[in-house]
Protein backbone atom coordinates (compact mmCIF):
# COMPACT_ATOMS: atom_id res chain seq x y z
CA MET A 1 -82.29 39.76 43.37
CA THR A 2 -80.83 37.49 46.03
CA TYR A 3 -81.82 34.22 47.53
CA THR A 4 -80.36 31.69 49.77
CA LYS A 5 -79.78 27.97 49.16
CA HIS A 6 -78.41 25.23 51.40
CA ILE A 7 -75.35 23.29 50.19
CA SER A 8 -73.50 20.65 52.19
CA GLY A 9 -74.39 22.21 55.55
CA VAL A 10 -73.61 25.76 54.44
CA ASN A 11 -76.12 28.49 53.66
CA MET A 12 -75.13 30.12 50.39
CA VAL A 13 -76.50 33.48 49.26
CA GLN A 14 -76.73 34.02 45.56
CA ALA A 15 -76.76 37.57 44.14
CA VAL A 16 -76.57 39.23 40.76
CA VAL A 17 -74.03 41.98 41.04
CA SER A 18 -72.52 44.61 38.70
CA ILE A 19 -68.74 45.16 39.08
CA SER A 20 -66.31 47.40 37.33
CA GLU A 21 -63.87 46.05 34.73
CA ARG A 22 -61.08 46.61 37.15
CA ALA A 23 -62.84 44.61 39.88
CA ASN A 24 -63.34 41.83 37.39
CA ARG A 25 -59.65 41.76 36.61
CA VAL A 26 -58.76 41.62 40.36
CA LEU A 27 -61.15 38.73 40.81
CA ASN A 28 -59.41 36.90 37.88
CA VAL A 29 -56.01 37.55 39.50
CA VAL A 30 -57.27 36.22 42.84
CA LYS A 31 -58.71 33.17 41.07
CA ALA A 32 -55.39 32.52 39.34
CA ARG A 33 -53.21 33.19 42.36
CA TYR A 34 -55.08 30.75 44.61
CA GLY A 35 -56.14 28.23 42.04
CA LEU A 36 -59.81 28.89 42.49
CA ARG A 37 -62.37 27.70 40.02
CA THR A 38 -65.01 30.43 40.22
CA LYS A 39 -65.31 34.14 40.91
CA SER A 40 -67.56 33.23 43.82
CA GLU A 41 -64.62 31.41 45.38
CA ALA A 42 -62.45 34.46 44.71
CA ILE A 43 -64.98 36.76 46.40
CA ASP A 44 -65.16 34.36 49.43
CA ARG A 45 -61.32 34.36 49.68
CA MET A 46 -61.20 38.19 49.49
CA ALA A 47 -63.95 38.47 52.16
CA ALA A 48 -61.98 36.08 54.41
CA ASP A 49 -58.70 37.96 53.94
CA TYR A 50 -60.49 41.30 54.64
CA GLU A 51 -62.13 39.80 57.76
CA GLU A 52 -58.80 38.60 59.17
CA GLU A 53 -56.91 41.88 58.39
CA VAL A 54 -59.52 44.51 59.14
CA LEU A 55 -62.59 43.30 61.08
CA GLU A 56 -60.99 41.19 63.76
CA PRO A 57 -57.26 41.76 63.93
CA ALA A 58 -55.42 39.61 66.43
CA PHE A 59 -53.39 41.52 69.01
CA LYS A 60 -49.69 41.36 68.41
CA PRO A 61 -47.73 40.10 71.41
CA GLU A 62 -45.86 43.39 71.56
CA PHE A 63 -49.04 45.33 71.86
CA THR A 64 -50.49 43.05 74.52
CA GLN A 65 -47.24 43.33 76.56
CA GLU A 66 -47.33 47.18 76.29
CA ILE A 67 -50.88 47.32 77.52
CA LEU A 68 -50.10 45.01 80.42
CA GLU A 69 -47.18 47.23 81.41
CA ARG A 70 -49.22 50.40 81.11
CA SER A 71 -52.12 48.88 83.15
CA LYS A 72 -49.73 48.98 86.16
CA SER A 73 -49.56 52.78 86.01
CA LYS A 74 -52.00 55.15 87.62
CA ASP A 75 -53.48 56.17 84.29
CA PHE A 76 -55.57 53.06 84.22
CA ILE A 77 -58.59 52.46 86.40
CA LYS A 78 -60.27 49.09 87.20
CA VAL A 79 -63.93 48.94 86.26
CA ARG A 80 -66.17 45.94 87.01
CA LYS A 81 -69.14 47.17 84.96
CA VAL A 82 -69.47 49.63 82.06
CA SER A 83 -72.28 51.39 83.97
CA ASP A 84 -69.74 52.32 86.62
CA LEU A 85 -68.06 54.57 84.11
CA PHE A 86 -71.16 56.82 83.85
CA ARG A 87 -71.74 57.61 87.53
């Protein structure tokens, strides 16, 4: 069962979840490591870390430079619209 409540300008979703004993220990370690008060805060922290590392990684300057250098070669083509790729 889940429901949403509004706290201080933020929508919070509450859910009853079942986790393994190992996951529970990990949450307790995260709580202790970052000085968090609740497991909900630990889950939020883990989700934020996951988002930064996996979902939207920033391009490293070296990678950006490599792409810019490669874009000058004949292997790259300029495309104004995605639909142009399918002609």
